[in-house]
Amino acid sequence: MNILTFWAQGDFVIRAMTVALLALSVSTWVVILWKTRLLQRVGQDVSQSIAAFWQAAHFEEANTRVAQFDRDGCVLPLLGATLIPVDGTMAAAGNRTQQLTRVLRESLQNSVHKLQWGQLLLATAGSISPFVGLLGTVWGIFNALSGMAEAGQITLDRVAGPVGEALVMTAAGLAVAIPAVLAYNVFGRQVARIEAELEGFAHDLLALLTGQLD
């Protein structure tokens, strides 16, 4: 049975589940392709940006050097966050160390949040796709057996065909879930590595700026 025949013979429930699996599959692969390129680029840029910062003679030169490498804006916001305005707002309250700790933490969280985009979709696709496929299989088998029961005769030959066709939904669910789960795990480790590198840089930056003030 080809896809068109399967679609034509399916009822509303089967069609809805097929569309849901197709949408999850397309979304998953869009995220996989996009994040593969993004994390590969960011992983290189963060290392180069941090190295460029420490090779600079002063803070202004460091900003210029980092801007040449930080294409996705993961390191520059950390530098910009240290330029705390001196005013009467709560953002300027506390001593300089407390201010820097707060703004660096917020900037680091924003950068990590950008890198984690799409992880929720991958986790969702990986967790629900097998169940959507299994539900489609159960529904298809139920419809097939109901139809044969109404016909008044159930034989092994007549059962094997519809059951085999219904199992396609289970296979489709697994085909969506497996790439999503693998990508989620791989990207999670890459994001964690980049986050650790950014966090280490933020800690060193804090120590540098507070040391200059002491």
N, C-alpha and C. Protein backbone atom coordinates (compact mmCIF):
# COMPACT_ATOMS: atom_id res chain seq x y z
N MET A 1 0.84 -1.20 0.00
CA MET A 1 0.00 0.00 0.00
C MET A 1 0.88 1.25 0.00
N ASN A 2 0.62 2.16 -0.94
CA ASN A 2 1.40 3.39 -0.95
C ASN A 2 0.77 4.42 -0.02
N ILE A 3 1.43 5.57 0.09
CA ILE A 3 0.99 6.60 1.04
C ILE A 3 -0.37 7.16 0.66
N LEU A 4 -0.59 7.37 -0.65
CA LEU A 4 -1.87 7.93 -1.09
C LEU A 4 -3.03 7.01 -0.77
N THR A 5 -2.83 5.71 -0.98
CA THR A 5 -3.88 4.75 -0.67
C THR A 5 -4.14 4.69 0.83
N PHE A 6 -3.07 4.71 1.61
CA PHE A 6 -3.20 4.71 3.07
C PHE A 6 -3.97 5.94 3.54
N TRP A 7 -3.67 7.08 2.93
CA TRP A 7 -4.36 8.32 3.28
C TRP A 7 -5.85 8.26 2.87
N ALA A 8 -6.11 7.73 1.69
CA ALA A 8 -7.49 7.68 1.20
C ALA A 8 -8.36 6.75 2.03
N GLN A 9 -7.79 5.66 2.52
CA GLN A 9 -8.56 4.68 3.27
C GLN A 9 -8.65 5.01 4.76
N GLY A 10 -7.83 5.94 5.22
CA GLY A 10 -7.86 6.29 6.63
C GLY A 10 -9.01 7.21 6.97
N ASP A 11 -9.48 7.12 8.22
CA ASP A 11 -10.55 8.01 8.66
C ASP A 11 -9.96 9.30 9.21
N PHE A 12 -10.80 10.12 9.84
CA PHE A 12 -10.35 11.43 10.34
C PHE A 12 -9.25 11.29 11.38
N VAL A 13 -9.38 10.31 12.27
CA VAL A 13 -8.40 10.14 13.34
C VAL A 13 -7.03 9.79 12.77
N ILE A 14 -7.00 8.83 11.84
CA ILE A 14 -5.73 8.43 11.23
C ILE A 14 -5.10 9.59 10.48
N ARG A 15 -5.91 10.34 9.76
CA ARG A 15 -5.37 11.48 9.01
C ARG A 15 -4.83 12.56 9.95
N ALA A 16 -5.55 12.81 11.02
CA ALA A 16 -5.09 13.82 11.98
C ALA A 16 -3.76 13.41 12.61
N MET A 17 -3.61 12.14 12.96
CA MET A 17 -2.36 11.67 13.55
C MET A 17 -1.23 11.69 12.53
N THR A 18 -1.56 11.39 11.28
CA THR A 18 -0.53 11.44 10.23
C THR A 18 -0.03 12.86 10.04
N VAL A 19 -0.95 13.82 10.02
CA VAL A 19 -0.56 15.23 9.88
C VAL A 19 0.26 15.67 11.08
N ALA A 20 -0.12 15.23 12.28
CA ALA A 20 0.62 15.60 13.49
C ALA A 20 2.05 15.07 13.44
N LEU A 21 2.21 13.82 13.03
CA LEU A 21 3.55 13.24 12.94
C LEU A 21 4.37 13.93 11.86
N LEU A 22 3.72 14.27 10.76
CA LEU A 22 4.44 14.97 9.69
C LEU A 22 4.90 16.34 10.16
N ALA A 23 4.03 17.05 10.88
CA ALA A 23 4.40 18.38 11.39
C ALA A 23 5.54 18.28 12.40
N LEU A 24 5.48 17.28 13.27
CA LEU A 24 6.57 17.08 14.23
C LEU A 24 7.87 16.74 13.55
N SER A 25 7.79 15.91 12.49
CA SER A 25 8.99 15.52 11.78
C SER A 25 9.65 16.72 11.08
N VAL A 26 8.83 17.50 10.38
CA VAL A 26 9.38 18.68 9.68
C VAL A 26 9.97 19.66 10.68
N SER A 27 9.25 19.93 11.77
CA SER A 27 9.75 20.86 12.79
C SER A 27 11.05 20.36 13.41
N THR A 28 11.10 19.07 13.67
CA THR A 28 12.31 18.49 14.27
C THR A 28 13.52 18.67 13.37
N TRP A 29 13.36 18.38 12.09
CA TRP A 29 14.51 18.48 11.20
C TRP A 29 14.91 19.92 10.93
N VAL A 30 13.95 20.83 10.95
CA VAL A 30 14.30 22.26 10.83
C VAL A 30 15.16 22.69 12.01
N VAL A 31 14.74 22.30 13.21
CA VAL A 31 15.50 22.64 14.41
C VAL A 31 16.87 21.96 14.40
N ILE A 32 16.92 20.71 13.99
CA ILE A 32 18.20 19.99 13.96
C ILE A 32 19.19 20.67 13.03
N LEU A 33 18.75 21.00 11.83
CA LEU A 33 19.65 21.63 10.86
C LEU A 33 20.08 23.00 11.34
N TRP A 34 19.13 23.77 11.90
CA TRP A 34 19.45 25.13 12.36
C TRP A 34 20.40 25.10 13.55
N LYS A 35 20.14 24.23 14.53
CA LYS A 35 20.96 24.20 15.72
C LYS A 35 22.33 23.58 15.45
N THR A 36 22.40 22.67 14.52
CA THR A 36 23.71 22.10 14.17
C THR A 36 24.65 23.19 13.70
N ARG A 37 24.16 24.04 12.81
CA ARG A 37 24.97 25.15 12.31
C ARG A 37 25.23 26.19 13.39
N LEU A 38 24.21 26.53 14.17
CA LEU A 38 24.36 27.55 15.20
C LEU A 38 25.38 27.15 16.26
N LEU A 39 25.24 25.94 16.82
CA LEU A 39 26.12 25.54 17.90
C LEU A 39 27.55 25.31 17.42
N GLN A 40 27.69 24.86 16.18
CA GLN A 40 29.04 24.72 15.63
C GLN A 40 29.71 26.08 15.51
N ARG A 41 28.94 27.07 15.03
CA ARG A 41 29.48 28.42 14.87
C ARG A 41 29.76 29.08 16.22
N VAL A 42 28.81 28.96 17.14
CA VAL A 42 28.97 29.59 18.45
C VAL A 42 30.12 28.95 19.22
N GLY A 43 30.25 27.63 19.13
CA GLY A 43 31.34 26.96 19.83
C GLY A 43 32.71 27.49 19.41
N GLN A 44 32.87 27.76 18.12
CA GLN A 44 34.13 28.33 17.64
C GLN A 44 34.27 29.79 18.03
N ASP A 45 33.17 30.55 17.89
CA ASP A 45 33.23 31.98 18.14
C ASP A 45 33.50 32.31 19.60
N VAL A 46 32.90 31.55 20.50
CA VAL A 46 33.09 31.83 21.93
C VAL A 46 34.56 31.64 22.32
N SER A 47 35.16 30.57 21.87
CA SER A 47 36.57 30.33 22.18
C SER A 47 37.47 31.42 21.60
N GLN A 48 37.21 31.80 20.35
CA GLN A 48 38.01 32.85 19.72
C GLN A 48 37.77 34.21 20.36
N SER A 49 36.52 34.48 20.74
CA SER A 49 36.21 35.77 21.36
C SER A 49 36.88 35.91 22.72
N ILE A 50 36.86 34.86 23.51
CA ILE A 50 37.49 34.91 24.83
C ILE A 50 39.00 35.06 24.70
N ALA A 51 39.58 34.33 23.74
CA ALA A 51 41.02 34.47 23.52
C ALA A 51 41.37 35.87 23.07
N ALA A 52 40.54 36.45 22.19
CA ALA A 52 40.78 37.81 21.71
C ALA A 52 40.67 38.82 22.84
N PHE A 53 39.76 38.59 23.75
CA PHE A 53 39.59 39.52 24.87
C PHE A 53 40.86 39.58 25.72
N TRP A 54 41.41 38.43 26.04
CA TRP A 54 42.57 38.41 26.92
C TRP A 54 43.84 38.87 26.22
N GLN A 55 43.82 38.92 24.91
CA GLN A 55 44.99 39.40 24.17
C GLN A 55 44.97 40.91 23.96
N ALA A 56 43.85 41.56 24.34
CA ALA A 56 43.73 43.00 24.16
C ALA A 56 44.51 43.74 25.23
N ALA A 57 44.91 44.97 24.90
CA ALA A 57 45.69 45.78 25.85
C ALA A 57 44.81 46.48 26.87
N HIS A 58 43.57 46.81 26.49
CA HIS A 58 42.66 47.49 27.42
C HIS A 58 41.23 47.11 27.05
N PHE A 59 40.28 47.55 27.88
CA PHE A 59 38.90 47.11 27.75
C PHE A 59 38.27 47.56 26.44
N GLU A 60 38.55 48.79 26.01
CA GLU A 60 37.98 49.28 24.76
C GLU A 60 38.47 48.46 23.57
N GLU A 61 39.74 48.15 23.56
CA GLU A 61 40.28 47.32 22.48
C GLU A 61 39.69 45.91 22.53
N ALA A 62 39.45 45.42 23.73
CA ALA A 62 38.87 44.08 23.89
C ALA A 62 37.48 44.03 23.26
N ASN A 63 36.68 45.07 23.45
CA ASN A 63 35.36 45.11 22.83
C ASN A 63 35.46 45.04 21.31
N THR A 64 36.40 45.78 20.76
CA THR A 64 36.58 45.78 19.30
C THR A 64 37.03 44.42 18.80
N ARG A 65 37.94 43.79 19.52
CA ARG A 65 38.43 42.48 19.11
C ARG A 65 37.33 41.41 19.19
N VAL A 66 36.59 41.43 20.27
CA VAL A 66 35.53 40.43 20.46
C VAL A 66 34.45 40.59 19.40
N ALA A 67 34.14 41.83 19.03
CA ALA A 67 33.10 42.08 18.03
C ALA A 67 33.43 41.44 16.68
N GLN A 68 34.70 41.21 16.42
CA GLN A 68 35.10 40.61 15.15
C GLN A 68 34.80 39.12 15.08
N PHE A 69 34.66 38.49 16.23
CA PHE A 69 34.44 37.04 16.27
C PHE A 69 33.05 36.63 16.75
N ASP A 70 32.44 37.45 17.58
CA ASP A 70 31.19 37.08 18.24
C ASP A 70 29.99 37.35 17.32
N ARG A 71 29.79 36.48 16.31
CA ARG A 71 28.75 36.72 15.31
C ARG A 71 27.34 36.57 15.86
N ASP A 72 27.16 35.76 16.88
CA ASP A 72 25.82 35.52 17.42
C ASP A 72 25.57 36.24 18.74
N GLY A 73 26.49 37.09 19.14
CA GLY A 73 26.26 37.91 20.32
C GLY A 73 26.14 37.14 21.61
N CYS A 74 27.08 36.25 21.88
CA CYS A 74 27.07 35.50 23.14
C CYS A 74 28.07 36.04 24.16
N VAL A 75 29.13 36.67 23.69
CA VAL A 75 30.16 37.19 24.58
C VAL A 75 30.04 38.70 24.75
N LEU A 76 29.75 39.42 23.69
CA LEU A 76 29.63 40.87 23.77
C LEU A 76 28.63 41.36 24.82
N PRO A 77 27.46 40.71 24.96
CA PRO A 77 26.54 41.16 26.00
C PRO A 77 27.14 41.10 27.41
N LEU A 78 28.05 40.17 27.65
CA LEU A 78 28.71 40.11 28.95
C LEU A 78 29.57 41.35 29.18
N LEU A 79 30.25 41.78 28.13
CA LEU A 79 31.08 42.98 28.24
C LEU A 79 30.21 44.22 28.39
N GLY A 80 29.15 44.29 27.60
CA GLY A 80 28.26 45.44 27.68
C GLY A 80 27.56 45.55 29.01
N ALA A 81 27.29 44.42 29.62
CA ALA A 81 26.57 44.43 30.90
C ALA A 81 27.40 45.05 32.01
N THR A 82 28.72 45.05 31.87
CA THR A 82 29.58 45.61 32.92
C THR A 82 29.56 47.13 32.94
N LEU A 83 29.02 47.76 31.91
CA LEU A 83 28.95 49.22 31.85
C LEU A 83 27.69 49.68 32.58
N ILE A 84 27.70 49.55 33.87
CA ILE A 84 26.52 49.86 34.69
C ILE A 84 26.39 51.37 34.84
N PRO A 85 25.24 51.93 34.51
CA PRO A 85 25.06 53.38 34.66
C PRO A 85 25.03 53.80 36.13
N VAL A 86 25.57 54.94 36.39
CA VAL A 86 25.57 55.47 37.75
C VAL A 86 24.36 56.40 37.88
N ASP A 87 23.30 55.92 38.49
CA ASP A 87 22.10 56.72 38.67
C ASP A 87 21.44 56.31 39.98
N GLY A 88 20.23 56.76 40.19
CA GLY A 88 19.56 56.49 41.45
C GLY A 88 18.62 55.31 41.42
N THR A 89 18.70 54.47 40.39
CA THR A 89 17.80 53.33 40.29
C THR A 89 18.31 52.15 41.10
N MET A 90 17.44 51.18 41.27
CA MET A 90 17.82 49.98 42.01
C MET A 90 18.88 49.18 41.26
N ALA A 91 18.96 49.36 39.93
CA ALA A 91 19.98 48.64 39.16
C ALA A 91 21.38 49.05 39.57
N ALA A 92 21.52 50.26 40.10
CA ALA A 92 22.83 50.74 40.53
C ALA A 92 23.02 50.61 42.03
N ALA A 93 22.08 49.94 42.72
CA ALA A 93 22.18 49.80 44.17
C ALA A 93 23.22 48.75 44.53
N GLY A 94 23.72 48.86 45.73
CA GLY A 94 24.72 47.91 46.21
C GLY A 94 26.12 48.31 45.78
N ASN A 95 27.10 47.54 46.25
CA ASN A 95 28.48 47.85 45.86
C ASN A 95 28.76 47.34 44.44
N ARG A 96 29.92 47.67 43.95
CA ARG A 96 30.25 47.36 42.56
C ARG A 96 30.28 45.86 42.30
N THR A 97 30.76 45.09 43.24
CA THR A 97 30.81 43.64 43.06
C THR A 97 29.41 43.04 42.93
N GLN A 98 28.50 43.49 43.76
CA GLN A 98 27.13 43.00 43.69
C GLN A 98 26.46 43.38 42.37
N GLN A 99 26.72 44.61 41.92
CA GLN A 99 26.16 45.05 40.65
C GLN A 99 26.67 44.20 39.49
N LEU A 100 27.97 44.00 39.46
CA LEU A 100 28.56 43.21 38.38
C LEU A 100 28.07 41.77 38.41
N THR A 101 27.97 41.20 39.59
CA THR A 101 27.48 39.81 39.70
C THR A 101 26.08 39.69 39.14
N ARG A 102 25.22 40.66 39.46
CA ARG A 102 23.84 40.61 38.99
C ARG A 102 23.74 40.74 37.47
N VAL A 103 24.41 41.75 36.91
CA VAL A 103 24.28 41.99 35.47
C VAL A 103 24.95 40.90 34.65
N LEU A 104 26.05 40.36 35.14
CA LEU A 104 26.71 39.27 34.43
C LEU A 104 25.86 38.01 34.45
N ARG A 105 25.22 37.75 35.57
CA ARG A 105 24.34 36.58 35.67
C ARG A 105 23.17 36.71 34.70
N GLU A 106 22.55 37.89 34.65
CA GLU A 106 21.42 38.09 33.74
C GLU A 106 21.85 37.97 32.29
N SER A 107 22.99 38.54 31.95
CA SER A 107 23.48 38.46 30.57
C SER A 107 23.82 37.03 30.19
N LEU A 108 24.42 36.29 31.12
CA LEU A 108 24.76 34.89 30.85
C LEU A 108 23.50 34.06 30.64
N GLN A 109 22.48 34.30 31.42
CA GLN A 109 21.22 33.57 31.27
C GLN A 109 20.58 33.86 29.92
N ASN A 110 20.66 35.10 29.46
CA ASN A 110 20.09 35.45 28.15
C ASN A 110 20.83 34.74 27.02
N SER A 111 22.14 34.67 27.13
CA SER A 111 22.93 34.00 26.09
C SER A 111 22.63 32.50 26.06
N VAL A 112 22.53 31.89 27.22
CA VAL A 112 22.24 30.44 27.29
C VAL A 112 20.83 30.17 26.79
N HIS A 113 19.89 31.05 27.13
CA HIS A 113 18.51 30.88 26.67
C HIS A 113 18.45 30.88 25.14
N LYS A 114 19.25 31.71 24.52
CA LYS A 114 19.30 31.75 23.05
C LYS A 114 19.81 30.41 22.50
N LEU A 115 20.81 29.84 23.14
CA LEU A 115 21.37 28.57 22.67
C LEU A 115 20.42 27.39 22.90
N GLN A 116 19.56 27.50 23.91
CA GLN A 116 18.65 26.40 24.23
C GLN A 116 17.37 26.43 23.41
N TRP A 117 17.22 27.41 22.55
CA TRP A 117 16.00 27.49 21.74
C TRP A 117 15.86 26.22 20.91
N GLY A 118 14.66 25.65 20.89
CA GLY A 118 14.38 24.44 20.12
C GLY A 118 14.51 23.16 20.91
N GLN A 119 15.14 23.21 22.08
CA GLN A 119 15.30 21.99 22.89
C GLN A 119 13.94 21.46 23.36
N LEU A 120 13.04 22.38 23.70
CA LEU A 120 11.72 21.95 24.15
C LEU A 120 10.97 21.22 23.04
N LEU A 121 11.08 21.71 21.81
CA LEU A 121 10.40 21.05 20.70
C LEU A 121 10.97 19.65 20.47
N LEU A 122 12.29 19.53 20.54
CA LEU A 122 12.92 18.21 20.36
C LEU A 122 12.49 17.25 21.46
N ALA A 123 12.43 17.74 22.69
CA ALA A 123 12.01 16.88 23.79
C ALA A 123 10.55 16.46 23.62
N THR A 124 9.71 17.39 23.18
CA THR A 124 8.30 17.08 22.98
C THR A 124 8.11 16.05 21.86
N ALA A 125 8.80 16.28 20.75
CA ALA A 125 8.69 15.35 19.62
C ALA A 125 9.19 13.96 20.00
N GLY A 126 10.29 13.92 20.73
CA GLY A 126 10.85 12.63 21.11
C GLY A 126 10.00 11.86 22.10
N SER A 127 9.23 12.58 22.91
CA SER A 127 8.45 11.91 23.95
C SER A 127 7.05 11.50 23.49
N ILE A 128 6.41 12.32 22.64
CA ILE A 128 5.01 12.03 22.29
C ILE A 128 4.85 11.31 20.95
N SER A 129 5.85 11.40 20.07
CA SER A 129 5.70 10.78 18.74
C SER A 129 5.45 9.28 18.80
N PRO A 130 6.18 8.50 19.63
CA PRO A 130 5.89 7.06 19.68
C PRO A 130 4.46 6.76 20.12
N PHE A 131 3.94 7.57 21.05
CA PHE A 131 2.58 7.33 21.54
C PHE A 131 1.54 7.72 20.50
N VAL A 132 1.82 8.78 19.74
CA VAL A 132 0.91 9.14 18.65
C VAL A 132 0.87 8.03 17.62
N GLY A 133 2.05 7.50 17.27
CA GLY A 133 2.10 6.39 16.32
C GLY A 133 1.41 5.14 16.85
N LEU A 134 1.63 4.85 18.13
CA LEU A 134 0.99 3.66 18.72
C LEU A 134 -0.52 3.82 18.76
N LEU A 135 -0.98 5.01 19.09
CA LEU A 135 -2.42 5.25 19.10
C LEU A 135 -3.01 5.08 17.70
N GLY A 136 -2.28 5.56 16.70
CA GLY A 136 -2.74 5.38 15.32
C GLY A 136 -2.81 3.92 14.94
N THR A 137 -1.85 3.14 15.40
CA THR A 137 -1.85 1.70 15.12
C THR A 137 -3.04 1.01 15.78
N VAL A 138 -3.26 1.32 17.04
CA VAL A 138 -4.38 0.71 17.76
C VAL A 138 -5.70 1.08 17.09
N TRP A 139 -5.82 2.34 16.72
CA TRP A 139 -7.06 2.79 16.07
C TRP A 139 -7.25 2.09 14.71
N GLY A 140 -6.16 1.96 13.97
CA GLY A 140 -6.25 1.30 12.67
C GLY A 140 -6.62 -0.17 12.80
N ILE A 141 -6.04 -0.87 13.78
CA ILE A 141 -6.38 -2.27 14.00
C ILE A 141 -7.84 -2.42 14.43
N PHE A 142 -8.26 -1.51 15.30
CA PHE A 142 -9.65 -1.55 15.75
C PHE A 142 -10.62 -1.39 14.58
N ASN A 143 -10.34 -0.43 13.71
CA ASN A 143 -11.20 -0.21 12.54
C ASN A 143 -11.19 -1.42 11.61
N ALA A 144 -9.99 -2.00 11.41
CA ALA A 144 -9.88 -3.16 10.53
C ALA A 144 -10.67 -4.35 11.07
N LEU A 145 -10.53 -4.62 12.35
CA LEU A 145 -11.25 -5.75 12.95
C LEU A 145 -12.75 -5.50 12.98
N SER A 146 -13.13 -4.25 13.22
CA SER A 146 -14.56 -3.92 13.23
C SER A 146 -15.16 -4.14 11.85
N GLY A 147 -14.43 -3.73 10.81
CA GLY A 147 -14.92 -3.92 9.45
C GLY A 147 -15.06 -5.38 9.08
N MET A 148 -14.10 -6.20 9.49
CA MET A 148 -14.16 -7.62 9.17
C MET A 148 -15.24 -8.32 9.99
N ALA A 149 -15.47 -7.84 11.22
CA ALA A 149 -16.53 -8.44 12.03
C ALA A 149 -17.89 -8.16 11.41
N GLU A 150 -18.06 -6.97 10.86
CA GLU A 150 -19.33 -6.66 10.20
C GLU A 150 -19.52 -7.49 8.95
N ALA A 151 -18.41 -7.84 8.29
CA ALA A 151 -18.49 -8.67 7.09
C ALA A 151 -18.85 -10.11 7.44
N GLY A 152 -18.67 -10.51 8.70
CA GLY A 152 -19.09 -11.82 9.15
C GLY A 152 -18.06 -12.91 9.02
N GLN A 153 -16.83 -12.57 8.62
CA GLN A 153 -15.81 -13.61 8.48
C GLN A 153 -14.44 -13.02 8.79
N ILE A 154 -13.73 -13.62 9.72
CA ILE A 154 -12.39 -13.18 10.09
C ILE A 154 -11.42 -14.34 9.90
N THR A 155 -10.48 -14.15 9.01
CA THR A 155 -9.44 -15.16 8.76
C THR A 155 -8.09 -14.50 8.92
N LEU A 156 -7.06 -15.35 9.06
CA LEU A 156 -5.71 -14.83 9.24
C LEU A 156 -5.27 -14.00 8.06
N ASP A 157 -5.61 -14.42 6.87
CA ASP A 157 -5.21 -13.68 5.67
C ASP A 157 -5.86 -12.30 5.64
N ARG A 158 -7.09 -12.23 6.05
CA ARG A 158 -7.80 -10.95 6.02
C ARG A 158 -7.36 -10.02 7.15
N VAL A 159 -6.83 -10.58 8.24
CA VAL A 159 -6.35 -9.78 9.36
C VAL A 159 -4.95 -9.25 9.11
N ALA A 160 -4.10 -10.07 8.49
CA ALA A 160 -2.69 -9.72 8.34
C ALA A 160 -2.49 -8.41 7.58
N GLY A 161 -3.23 -8.22 6.50
CA GLY A 161 -3.06 -7.02 5.70
C GLY A 161 -3.38 -5.75 6.44
N PRO A 162 -4.59 -5.57 6.98
CA PRO A 162 -4.92 -4.35 7.72
C PRO A 162 -4.04 -4.10 8.94
N VAL A 163 -3.69 -5.18 9.65
CA VAL A 163 -2.82 -5.00 10.82
C VAL A 163 -1.44 -4.51 10.40
N GLY A 164 -0.90 -5.08 9.34
CA GLY A 164 0.39 -4.63 8.85
C GLY A 164 0.37 -3.18 8.42
N GLU A 165 -0.73 -2.78 7.78
CA GLU A 165 -0.86 -1.38 7.36
C GLU A 165 -0.96 -0.45 8.57
N ALA A 166 -1.67 -0.89 9.61
CA ALA A 166 -1.81 -0.06 10.80
C ALA A 166 -0.48 0.11 11.53
N LEU A 167 0.39 -0.90 11.45
CA LEU A 167 1.69 -0.81 12.12
C LEU A 167 2.59 0.25 11.50
N VAL A 168 2.24 0.73 10.32
CA VAL A 168 3.00 1.82 9.70
C VAL A 168 3.01 3.04 10.61
N MET A 169 1.91 3.27 11.32
CA MET A 169 1.84 4.43 12.21
C MET A 169 2.86 4.33 13.35
N THR A 170 3.05 3.13 13.88
CA THR A 170 4.06 2.95 14.92
C THR A 170 5.45 3.23 14.39
N ALA A 171 5.73 2.70 13.20
CA ALA A 171 7.04 2.96 12.58
C ALA A 171 7.24 4.45 12.32
N ALA A 172 6.19 5.13 11.90
CA ALA A 172 6.29 6.57 11.64
C ALA A 172 6.57 7.33 12.93
N GLY A 173 5.93 6.93 14.02
CA GLY A 173 6.18 7.58 15.30
C GLY A 173 7.61 7.41 15.76
N LEU A 174 8.16 6.21 15.59
CA LEU A 174 9.56 5.98 15.96
C LEU A 174 10.51 6.74 15.05
N ALA A 175 10.16 6.85 13.77
CA ALA A 175 11.01 7.59 12.83
C ALA A 175 11.11 9.05 13.19
N VAL A 176 10.08 9.58 13.82
CA VAL A 176 10.12 10.97 14.27
C VAL A 176 10.86 11.08 15.61
N ALA A 177 10.61 10.14 16.51
CA ALA A 177 11.14 10.24 17.87
C ALA A 177 12.65 10.01 17.95
N ILE A 178 13.16 9.04 17.20
CA ILE A 178 14.57 8.68 17.34
C ILE A 178 15.50 9.84 16.99
N PRO A 179 15.35 10.51 15.83
CA PRO A 179 16.23 11.66 15.56
C PRO A 179 16.05 12.78 16.58
N ALA A 180 14.82 13.00 17.06
CA ALA A 180 14.57 14.07 18.02
C ALA A 180 15.31 13.81 19.33
N VAL A 181 15.25 12.57 19.83
CA VAL A 181 15.91 12.24 21.09
C VAL A 181 17.43 12.32 20.95
N LEU A 182 17.95 11.78 19.86
CA LEU A 182 19.40 11.84 19.64
C LEU A 182 19.88 13.29 19.55
N ALA A 183 19.16 14.11 18.79
CA ALA A 183 19.55 15.51 18.65
C ALA A 183 19.46 16.25 19.98
N TYR A 184 18.42 15.96 20.75
CA TYR A 184 18.26 16.61 22.05
C TYR A 184 19.45 16.32 22.96
N ASN A 185 19.89 15.09 22.99
CA ASN A 185 21.03 14.72 23.84
C ASN A 185 22.33 15.35 23.34
N VAL A 186 22.55 15.31 22.04
CA VAL A 186 23.79 15.88 21.48
C VAL A 186 23.83 17.38 21.69
N PHE A 187 22.74 18.06 21.37
CA PHE A 187 22.70 19.51 21.53
C PHE A 187 22.78 19.91 23.00
N GLY A 188 22.19 19.11 23.87
CA GLY A 188 22.26 19.41 25.30
C GLY A 188 23.69 19.43 25.80
N ARG A 189 24.49 18.48 25.33
CA ARG A 189 25.90 18.44 25.75
C ARG A 189 26.68 19.61 25.16
N GLN A 190 26.39 19.98 23.93
CA GLN A 190 27.08 21.12 23.32
C GLN A 190 26.74 22.42 24.02
N VAL A 191 25.45 22.60 24.33
CA VAL A 191 25.03 23.82 25.04
C VAL A 191 25.67 23.88 26.42
N ALA A 192 25.73 22.74 27.11
CA ALA A 192 26.34 22.70 28.44
C ALA A 192 27.82 23.07 28.37
N ARG A 193 28.50 22.61 27.32
CA ARG A 193 29.93 22.94 27.19
C ARG A 193 30.12 24.43 26.94
N ILE A 194 29.31 25.01 26.06
CA ILE A 194 29.41 26.44 25.78
C ILE A 194 29.03 27.26 27.01
N GLU A 195 27.99 26.81 27.71
CA GLU A 195 27.57 27.51 28.93
C GLU A 195 28.68 27.52 29.97
N ALA A 196 29.37 26.39 30.13
CA ALA A 196 30.47 26.33 31.09
C ALA A 196 31.58 27.29 30.70
N GLU A 197 31.85 27.39 29.40
CA GLU A 197 32.90 28.30 28.93
C GLU A 197 32.51 29.75 29.18
N LEU A 198 31.25 30.09 28.90
CA LEU A 198 30.77 31.46 29.15
C LEU A 198 30.74 31.78 30.64
N GLU A 199 30.33 30.81 31.43
CA GLU A 199 30.28 31.02 32.88
C GLU A 199 31.68 31.24 33.45
N GLY A 200 32.65 30.48 32.95
CA GLY A 200 34.02 30.67 33.40
C GLY A 200 34.55 32.04 33.02
N PHE A 201 34.21 32.48 31.80
CA PHE A 201 34.65 33.81 31.36
C PHE A 201 34.00 34.90 32.21
N ALA A 202 32.69 34.75 32.51
CA ALA A 202 32.00 35.73 33.35
C ALA A 202 32.63 35.80 34.73
N HIS A 203 33.01 34.66 35.27
CA HIS A 203 33.67 34.64 36.59
C HIS A 203 35.02 35.34 36.53
N ASP A 204 35.79 35.07 35.48
CA ASP A 204 37.10 35.73 35.33
C ASP A 204 36.93 37.23 35.09
N LEU A 205 35.91 37.60 34.34
CA LEU A 205 35.65 39.01 34.08
C LEU A 205 35.28 39.74 35.36
N LEU A 206 34.47 39.10 36.17
CA LEU A 206 34.10 39.70 37.46
C LEU A 206 35.32 39.90 38.34
N ALA A 207 36.18 38.87 38.40
CA ALA A 207 37.39 38.97 39.21
C ALA A 207 38.31 40.07 38.69
N LEU A 208 38.40 40.21 37.38
CA LEU A 208 39.25 41.23 36.78
C LEU A 208 38.75 42.63 37.13
N LEU A 209 37.47 42.88 36.96
CA LEU A 209 36.93 44.22 37.18
C LEU A 209 36.91 44.59 38.66
N THR A 210 36.58 43.64 39.50
CA THR A 210 36.59 43.96 40.93
C THR A 210 38.02 44.10 41.44
N GLY A 211 38.94 43.38 40.84
CA GLY A 211 40.34 43.52 41.24
C GLY A 211 40.90 44.87 40.85
N GLN A 212 40.47 45.41 39.72
CA GLN A 212 40.92 46.72 39.28
C GLN A 212 40.42 47.82 40.20
N LEU A 213 39.26 47.58 40.84
CA LEU A 213 38.67 48.60 41.69
C LEU A 213 39.24 48.58 43.09
N ASP A 214 39.80 47.46 43.50
CA ASP A 214 40.33 47.35 44.87
C ASP A 214 41.62 48.14 45.02
